[in-house]
C-alpha atoms as a PDB file:
ATOM      1  CA  UNK A   1      99.678  94.259 118.266  1.00  0.00           C
ATOM      2  CA  UNK A   2      99.957  97.723 116.728  1.00  0.00           C
ATOM      3  CA  UNK A   3      96.600  99.003 115.508  1.00  0.00           C
ATOM      4  CA  UNK A   4      96.273 101.710 112.882  1.00  0.00           C
ATOM      5  CA  UNK A   5      93.111 103.764 113.275  1.00  0.00           C
ATOM      6  CA  UNK A   6      93.211 105.712 110.040  1.00  0.00           C
ATOM      7  CA  UNK A   7      90.966 108.675 109.289  1.00  0.00           C
ATOM      8  CA  UNK A   8      90.565 111.248 106.541  1.00  0.00           C
ATOM      9  CA  UNK A   9      92.706 113.981 108.082  1.00  0.00           C
ATOM     10  CA  UNK A  10      92.047 117.519 106.742  1.00  0.00           C
ATOM     11  CA  UNK A  11      95.259 118.748 108.385  1.00  0.00           C
ATOM     12  CA  UNK A  12      97.478 116.633 106.114  1.00  0.00           C
ATOM     13  CA  UNK A  13      99.151 118.808 103.432  1.00  0.00           C
ATOM     14  CA  UNK A  14      97.603 118.581  99.985  1.00  0.00           C
ATOM     15  CA  UNK A  15      99.347 116.766  97.185  1.00  0.00           C
ATOM     16  CA  UNK A  16     100.143 118.967  94.151  1.00  0.00           C
ATOM     17  CA  UNK A  17      97.273 117.704  91.987  1.00  0.00           C
ATOM     18  CA  UNK A  18      97.978 120.144  89.161  1.00  0.00           C
ATOM     19  CA  UNK A  19     101.277 118.440  88.294  1.00  0.00           C
ATOM     20  CA  UNK A  20      99.565 115.293  87.013  1.00  0.00           C
ATOM     21  CA  UNK A  21      98.554 117.048  83.809  1.00  0.00           C
ATOM     22  CA  UNK A  22     101.017 116.271  81.052  1.00  0.00           C
ATOM     23  CA  UNK A  23     103.452 114.434  83.343  1.00  0.00           C
ATOM     24  CA  UNK A  24     102.293 110.918  82.463  1.00  0.00           C
ATOM     25  CA  UNK A  25     101.029 109.606  79.150  1.00  0.00           C
ATOM     26  CA  UNK A  26      97.959 108.155  80.831  1.00  0.00           C
ATOM     27  CA  UNK A  27      94.736 109.883  81.955  1.00  0.00           C
ATOM     28  CA  UNK A  28      94.435 110.818  85.623  1.00  0.00           C
ATOM     29  CA  UNK A  29      90.881 111.439  86.856  1.00  0.00           C
ATOM     30  CA  UNK A  30      89.888 113.718  89.723  1.00  0.00           C
ATOM     31  CA  UNK A  31      88.549 110.679  91.585  1.00  0.00           C
ATOM     32  CA  UNK A  32      91.946 108.992  91.390  1.00  0.00           C
ATOM     33  CA  UNK A  33      93.690 112.146  92.576  1.00  0.00           C
ATOM     34  CA  UNK A  34      91.337 112.303  95.566  1.00  0.00           C
ATOM     35  CA  UNK A  35      92.120 108.674  96.424  1.00  0.00           C
ATOM     36  CA  UNK A  36      95.863 109.344  96.152  1.00  0.00           C
ATOM     37  CA  UNK A  37      95.371 112.169  98.672  1.00  0.00           C
ATOM     38  CA  UNK A  38      93.578 109.772 101.024  1.00  0.00           C
ATOM     39  CA  UNK A  39      96.402 107.264 100.681  1.00  0.00           C
ATOM     40  CA  UNK A  40      98.901 110.027 101.425  1.00  0.00           C
ATOM     41  CA  UNK A  41      96.887 110.810 104.565  1.00  0.00           C
ATOM     42  CA  UNK A  42      97.168 107.141 105.544  1.00  0.00           C
ATOM     43  CA  UNK A  43     100.929 107.050 105.052  1.00  0.00           C
ATOM     44  CA  UNK A  44     101.478 110.252 107.043  1.00  0.00           C
ATOM     45  CA  UNK A  45      99.459 108.802 109.930  1.00  0.00           C
ATOM     46  CA  UNK A  46     100.961 105.327 109.684  1.00  0.00           C
ATOM     47  CA  UNK A  47     104.487 106.671 109.587  1.00  0.00           C
ATOM     48  CA  UNK A  48     104.090 107.785 113.197  1.00  0.00           C
ATOM     49  CA  UNK A  49     103.907 104.127 114.269  1.00  0.00           C
ATOM     50  CA  UNK A  50     105.833 102.292 111.568  1.00  0.00           C
ATOM     51  CA  UNK A  51     108.876 103.249 109.546  1.00  0.00           C
ATOM     52  CA  UNK A  52     107.125 103.362 106.176  1.00  0.00           C
ATOM     53  CA  UNK A  53     109.037 106.057 104.301  1.00  0.00           C
ATOM     54  CA  UNK A  54     111.252 109.094 104.818  1.00  0.00           C
ATOM     55  CA  UNK A  55     109.637 110.765 101.810  1.00  0.00           C
ATOM     56  CA  UNK A  56     106.684 112.745 103.150  1.00  0.00           C
ATOM     57  CA  UNK A  57     106.991 116.236 101.670  1.00  0.00           C
ATOM     58  CA  UNK A  58     104.016 116.473  99.277  1.00  0.00           C
ATOM     59  CA  UNK A  59     105.903 117.107  96.023  1.00  0.00           C
ATOM     60  CA  UNK A  60     108.506 114.458  96.820  1.00  0.00           C
ATOM     61  CA  UNK A  61     105.807 111.945  97.769  1.00  0.00           C
ATOM     62  CA  UNK A  62     103.959 112.657  94.542  1.00  0.00           C
ATOM     63  CA  UNK A  63     107.034 112.194  92.345  1.00  0.00           C
ATOM     64  CA  UNK A  64     109.057 109.522  94.146  1.00  0.00           C
ATOM     65  CA  UNK A  65     106.169 107.315  95.229  1.00  0.00           C
ATOM     66  CA  UNK A  66     102.977 107.966  93.251  1.00  0.00           C
ATOM     67  CA  UNK A  67     104.283 109.050  89.845  1.00  0.00           C
ATOM     68  CA  UNK A  68     107.143 106.564  89.971  1.00  0.00           C
ATOM     69  CA  UNK A  69     104.800 103.694  90.873  1.00  0.00           C
ATOM     70  CA  UNK A  70     102.648 104.351  87.820  1.00  0.00           C
ATOM     71  CA  UNK A  71     105.439 105.211  85.398  1.00  0.00           C
ATOM     72  CA  UNK A  72     107.229 101.947  86.116  1.00  0.00           C
ATOM     73  CA  UNK A  73     104.391  99.966  84.527  1.00  0.00           C
ATOM     74  CA  UNK A  74     103.196 102.536  81.990  1.00  0.00           C
ATOM     75  CA  UNK A  75     103.280  99.957  79.128  1.00  0.00           C
ATOM     76  CA  UNK A  76     100.665  97.946  81.045  1.00  0.00           C
ATOM     77  CA  UNK A  77      98.587 100.998  81.988  1.00  0.00           C
ATOM     78  CA  UNK A  78      98.544 102.298  78.420  1.00  0.00           C
ATOM     79  CA  UNK A  79      97.757  98.919  76.879  1.00  0.00           C
ATOM     80  CA  UNK A  80     100.989  98.944  74.879  1.00  0.00           C
ATOM     81  CA  UNK A  81     101.767  95.624  76.577  1.00  0.00           C
ATOM     82  CA  UNK A  82      98.464  93.785  77.005  1.00  0.00           C
ATOM     83  CA  UNK A  83      97.572  91.882  80.147  1.00  0.00           C
ATOM     84  CA  UNK A  84      94.790  89.335  80.634  1.00  0.00           C
ATOM     85  CA  UNK A  85      91.405  90.573  81.783  1.00  0.00           C
ATOM     86  CA  UNK A  86      91.421  91.118  85.559  1.00  0.00           C
ATOM     87  CA  UNK A  87      95.137  90.336  85.933  1.00  0.00           C
ATOM     88  CA  UNK A  88      96.705  89.246  89.217  1.00  0.00           C
ATOM     89  CA  UNK A  89      99.760  91.185  90.403  1.00  0.00           C
ATOM     90  CA  UNK A  90     102.034  90.647  93.383  1.00  0.00           C
ATOM     91  CA  UNK A  91     104.068  93.489  94.873  1.00  0.00           C
ATOM     92  CA  UNK A  92     107.049  91.780  96.516  1.00  0.00           C
ATOM     93  CA  UNK A  93     108.692  93.810  99.289  1.00  0.00           C
ATOM     94  CA  UNK A  94     105.962  96.436  99.143  1.00  0.00           C
ATOM     95  CA  UNK A  95     107.029  98.345 102.283  1.00  0.00           C
ATOM     96  CA  UNK A  96     104.577 101.218 102.647  1.00  0.00           C
ATOM     97  CA  UNK A  97     102.489  99.975  99.735  1.00  0.00           C
ATOM     98  CA  UNK A  98     104.527 101.085  96.726  1.00  0.00           C
ATOM     99  CA  UNK A  99     103.879 100.485  93.900  1.00  0.00           C
ATOM    100  CA  UNK A 100     100.917  98.259  94.756  1.00  0.00           C
ATOM    101  CA  UNK A 101      98.397 100.668  96.297  1.00  0.00           C
ATOM    102  CA  UNK A 102      98.884 103.455  93.723  1.00  0.00           C
ATOM    103  CA  UNK A 103      98.303 100.848  90.991  1.00  0.00           C
ATOM    104  CA  UNK A 104      95.215  99.541  92.761  1.00  0.00           C
ATOM    105  CA  UNK A 105      93.805 103.070  92.876  1.00  0.00           C
ATOM    106  CA  UNK A 106      94.623 103.652  89.209  1.00  0.00           C
ATOM    107  CA  UNK A 107      93.340 100.256  88.049  1.00  0.00           C
ATOM    108  CA  UNK A 108      90.556  98.906  90.273  1.00  0.00           C
ATOM    109  CA  UNK A 109      90.102  96.042  87.801  1.00  0.00           C
ATOM    110  CA  UNK A 110      93.528  94.661  88.747  1.00  0.00           C
ATOM    111  CA  UNK A 111      93.865  92.236  91.660  1.00  0.00           C
ATOM    112  CA  UNK A 112      96.899  92.920  93.860  1.00  0.00           C
ATOM    113  CA  UNK A 113      98.685  91.010  96.597  1.00  0.00           C
ATOM    114  CA  UNK A 114     101.028  93.140  98.703  1.00  0.00           C
ATOM    115  CA  UNK A 115     103.804  91.130 100.324  1.00  0.00           C
ATOM    116  CA  UNK A 116     106.216  92.253 103.000  1.00  0.00           C
ATOM    117  CA  UNK A 117     108.211  90.422 105.645  1.00  0.00           C
ATOM    118  CA  UNK A 118     107.574  93.077 108.324  1.00  0.00           C
ATOM    119  CA  UNK A 119     104.394  92.426 110.309  1.00  0.00           C
ATOM    120  CA  UNK A 120     104.006  96.048 111.408  1.00  0.00           C
ATOM    121  CA  UNK A 121     104.025  97.292 107.815  1.00  0.00           C
ATOM    122  CA  UNK A 122     101.525  94.643 106.766  1.00  0.00           C
ATOM    123  CA  UNK A 123      99.166  95.639 109.591  1.00  0.00           C
ATOM    124  CA  UNK A 124      99.356  99.229 108.368  1.00  0.00           C
ATOM    125  CA  UNK A 125      98.641  98.098 104.805  1.00  0.00           C
ATOM    126  CA  UNK A 126      95.644  96.072 105.910  1.00  0.00           C
ATOM    127  CA  UNK A 127      94.261  99.131 107.699  1.00  0.00           C
ATOM    128  CA  UNK A 128      94.902 101.341 104.657  1.00  0.00           C
ATOM    129  CA  UNK A 129      93.261  98.832 102.313  1.00  0.00           C
ATOM    130  CA  UNK A 130      90.163  98.762 104.516  1.00  0.00           C
ATOM    131  CA  UNK A 131      90.092 102.560 104.871  1.00  0.00           C
ATOM    132  CA  UNK A 132      90.392 103.066 101.109  1.00  0.00           C
ATOM    133  CA  UNK A 133      87.922 100.237 100.407  1.00  0.00           C
ATOM    134  CA  UNK A 134      90.261  98.510  97.977  1.00  0.00           C
ATOM    135  CA  UNK A 135      88.373  95.242  97.791  1.00  0.00           C
ATOM    136  CA  UNK A 136      90.692  93.802  95.138  1.00  0.00           C
ATOM    137  CA  UNK A 137      93.816  94.138  97.323  1.00  0.00           C
ATOM    138  CA  UNK A 138      95.204  91.942 100.088  1.00  0.00           C
ATOM    139  CA  UNK A 139      98.321  92.377 102.226  1.00  0.00           C
ATOM    140  CA  UNK A 140     100.182  89.376 103.587  1.00  0.00           C
ATOM    141  CA  UNK A 141     103.278  88.931 105.716  1.00  0.00           C
ATOM    142  CA  UNK A 142     106.024  86.480 104.893  1.00  0.00           C
ATOM    143  CA  UNK A 143     109.087  85.760 102.816  1.00  0.00           C
ATOM    144  CA  UNK A 144     108.695  85.685  99.053  1.00  0.00           C
ATOM    145  CA  UNK A 145     110.709  82.503  98.603  1.00  0.00           C
ATOM    146  CA  UNK A 146     108.593  80.680 101.202  1.00  0.00           C
ATOM    147  CA  UNK A 147     105.083  81.785 100.252  1.00  0.00           C
ATOM    148  CA  UNK A 148     105.815  81.568  96.526  1.00  0.00           C
ATOM    149  CA  UNK A 149     106.203  77.818  96.888  1.00  0.00           C
ATOM    150  CA  UNK A 150     102.708  77.430  98.391  1.00  0.00           C
ATOM    151  CA  UNK A 151      99.225  77.387  96.979  1.00  0.00           C
ATOM    152  CA  UNK A 152      97.404  79.624  96.122  1.00  0.00           C
ATOM    153  CA  UNK A 153     100.456  81.755  95.335  1.00  0.00           C
ATOM    154  CA  UNK A 154     102.676  79.414  93.314  1.00  0.00           C
ATOM    155  CA  UNK A 155     102.329  80.070  89.595  1.00  0.00           C
ATOM    156  CA  UNK A 156      99.218  82.170  90.079  1.00  0.00           C
ATOM    157  CA  UNK A 157     100.270  85.677  89.025  1.00  0.00           C
ATOM    158  CA  UNK A 158     100.493  87.572  85.761  1.00  0.00           C
ATOM    159  CA  UNK A 159     102.890  90.263  87.034  1.00  0.00           C
ATOM    160  CA  UNK A 160     105.432  90.459  89.856  1.00  0.00           C
ATOM    161  CA  UNK A 161     106.584  93.942  90.895  1.00  0.00           C
ATOM    162  CA  UNK A 162     109.831  94.500  92.799  1.00  0.00           C
ATOM    163  CA  UNK A 163     110.758  98.067  93.713  1.00  0.00           C
ATOM    164  CA  UNK A 164     114.166  98.680  95.297  1.00  0.00           C
ATOM    165  CA  UNK A 165     114.152  95.202  96.845  1.00  0.00           C
ATOM    166  CA  UNK A 166     117.523  93.556  96.120  1.00  0.00           C
ATOM    167  CA  UNK A 167     120.021  92.775  93.386  1.00  0.00           C
ATOM    168  CA  UNK A 168     118.370  91.915  90.032  1.00  0.00           C
ATOM    169  CA  UNK A 169     119.228  88.212  90.218  1.00  0.00           C
ATOM    170  CA  UNK A 170     117.782  88.002  93.740  1.00  0.00           C
ATOM    171  CA  UNK A 171     114.606  89.758  92.578  1.00  0.00           C
ATOM    172  CA  UNK A 172     114.133  87.194  89.819  1.00  0.00           C
ATOM    173  CA  UNK A 173     114.665  84.431  92.329  1.00  0.00           C
ATOM    174  CA  UNK A 174     111.864  85.875  94.442  1.00  0.00           C
ATOM    175  CA  UNK A 175     109.506  86.377  91.480  1.00  0.00           C
ATOM    176  CA  UNK A 176     110.068  83.080  89.662  1.00  0.00           C
ATOM    177  CA  UNK A 177     107.735  80.816  91.623  1.00  0.00           C
ATOM    178  CA  UNK A 178     104.902  83.360  91.807  1.00  0.00           C
ATOM    179  CA  UNK A 179     104.533  83.856  88.054  1.00  0.00           C
ATOM    180  CA  UNK A 180     102.542  81.988  85.479  1.00  0.00           C
ATOM    181  CA  UNK A 181     104.365  80.945  82.292  1.00  0.00           C
ATOM    182  CA  UNK A 182     104.377  84.093  80.165  1.00  0.00           C
ATOM    183  CA  UNK A 183     103.999  86.297  83.240  1.00  0.00           C
ATOM    184  CA  UNK A 184     105.992  89.484  83.726  1.00  0.00           C
ATOM    185  CA  UNK A 185     108.574  90.538  86.291  1.00  0.00           C
ATOM    186  CA  UNK A 186     109.089  94.303  86.576  1.00  0.00           C
ATOM    187  CA  UNK A 187     112.135  95.582  88.445  1.00  0.00           C
ATOM    188  CA  UNK A 188     111.931  99.237  89.505  1.00  0.00           C
ATOM    189  CA  UNK A 189     115.468 100.638  89.615  1.00  0.00           C
ATOM    190  CA  UNK A 190     117.230 103.982  89.896  1.00  0.00           C
ATOM    191  CA  UNK A 191     120.462 103.970  87.924  1.00  0.00           C
ATOM    192  CA  UNK A 192     121.146 100.867  85.834  1.00  0.00           C
ATOM    193  CA  UNK A 193     124.838 100.085  86.003  1.00  0.00           C
ATOM    194  CA  UNK A 194     127.043  97.574  84.221  1.00  0.00           C
ATOM    195  CA  UNK A 195     127.342  95.444  87.341  1.00  0.00           C
ATOM    196  CA  UNK A 196     123.549  95.235  87.615  1.00  0.00           C
ATOM    197  CA  UNK A 197     123.341  94.139  83.999  1.00  0.00           C
ATOM    198  CA  UNK A 198     125.935  91.455  84.668  1.00  0.00           C
ATOM    199  CA  UNK A 199     124.109  90.308  87.777  1.00  0.00           C
ATOM    200  CA  UNK A 200     120.841  90.150  85.854  1.00  0.00           C
ATOM    201  CA  UNK A 201     122.393  87.961  83.173  1.00  0.00           C
ATOM    202  CA  UNK A 202     123.544  85.523  85.849  1.00  0.00           C
ATOM    203  CA  UNK A 203     120.004  85.210  87.223  1.00  0.00           C
ATOM    204  CA  UNK A 204     118.043  84.963  83.979  1.00  0.00           C
ATOM    205  CA  UNK A 205     117.242  81.262  84.251  1.00  0.00           C
ATOM    206  CA  UNK A 206     113.571  80.904  83.398  1.00  0.00           C
ATOM    207  CA  UNK A 207     113.257  84.492  82.110  1.00  0.00           C
ATOM    208  CA  UNK A 208     113.898  86.494  78.984  1.00  0.00           C
ATOM    209  CA  UNK A 209     114.809  90.173  79.151  1.00  0.00           C
ATOM    210  CA  UNK A 210     112.269  92.148  77.095  1.00  0.00           C
ATOM    211  CA  UNK A 211     113.197  95.784  77.674  1.00  0.00           C
ATOM    212  CA  UNK A 212     115.002  98.212  79.944  1.00  0.00           C
ATOM    213  CA  UNK A 213     112.933 101.384  79.936  1.00  0.00           C
ATOM    214  CA  UNK A 214     114.884 104.487  80.970  1.00  0.00           C
ATOM    215  CA  UNK A 215     112.983 107.645  81.892  1.00  0.00           C
ATOM    216  CA  UNK A 216     113.433 110.937  83.745  1.00  0.00           C
ATOM    217  CA  UNK A 217     111.269 112.098  86.630  1.00  0.00           C
ATOM    218  CA  UNK A 218     109.287 115.290  85.939  1.00  0.00           C
ATOM    219  CA  UNK A 219     110.368 117.452  88.897  1.00  0.00           C
ATOM    220  CA  UNK A 220     113.870 116.486  90.000  1.00  0.00           C
ATOM    221  CA  UNK A 221     114.994 115.188  86.592  1.00  0.00           C
ATOM    222  CA  UNK A 222     116.317 111.982  88.135  1.00  0.00           C
ATOM    223  CA  UNK A 223     116.974 108.978  85.909  1.00  0.00           C
ATOM    224  CA  UNK A 224     114.951 105.857  86.626  1.00  0.00           C
ATOM    225  CA  UNK A 225     114.702 102.455  84.958  1.00  0.00           C
ATOM    226  CA  UNK A 226     111.988  99.858  84.624  1.00  0.00           C
ATOM    227  CA  UNK A 227     113.364  96.436  83.703  1.00  0.00           C
ATOM    228  CA  UNK A 228     110.725  94.155  82.177  1.00  0.00           C
ATOM    229  CA  UNK A 229     111.234  90.413  81.885  1.00  0.00           C
ATOM    230  CA  UNK A 230     109.013  87.551  80.711  1.00  0.00           C
ATOM    231  CA  UNK A 231     108.687  84.236  82.515  1.00  0.00           C
ATOM    232  CA  UNK A 232     109.440  81.351  80.160  1.00  0.00           C
ATOM    233  CA  UNK A 233     107.279  78.247  80.026  1.00  0.00           C
ATOM    234  CA  UNK A 234     110.172  76.148  81.303  1.00  0.00           C
ATOM    235  CA  UNK A 235     113.242  76.784  83.426  1.00  0.00           C
END
């Protein structure tokens, strides 16, 4: 078993905290920024033992992992799209903990389940969760289509997050069994092409497409999309 003994490492480069201001239409406290730095420390350390991410340069990590994780669900963060009190979210195919851990830091009142099929990544996530004292977060290993059919996971979640996991129709197949009726599936995508739209339409059974939110990243000016869908009460 690979153990991850994570520490607060003062030698890890600092994230560019000043770039938060004005880059996201949602308040970012100094406490949150400090916790993002601690999570960055964890990822830098964990990456030496597990292939978590190739994006480790501080500005790139900030934009492509932290900022992107939050921006993808900005309608929930801002309250534009309301969620129940203390909502339950599942991050399917979380990898190194994105977007789940950044969201847990930003919204400690949200309960998050981080799911990945790779045991080594899940062991890292469990160590990071303990180090960051994120009591509302759990990390589990398994396949989405298998665990989603079991209690306590089946039909128990308000939001399913899928970031760069698979084709849109496959993502909806993964998310379907986890969500409550009326729950949300959020697909984090880069470009949104015609073939992805066609694939999505083929996999919409049990969902309605609510919006495709296109936005541009603040540093590299890259186009990203957040595709938001609602789970129907039947289907």
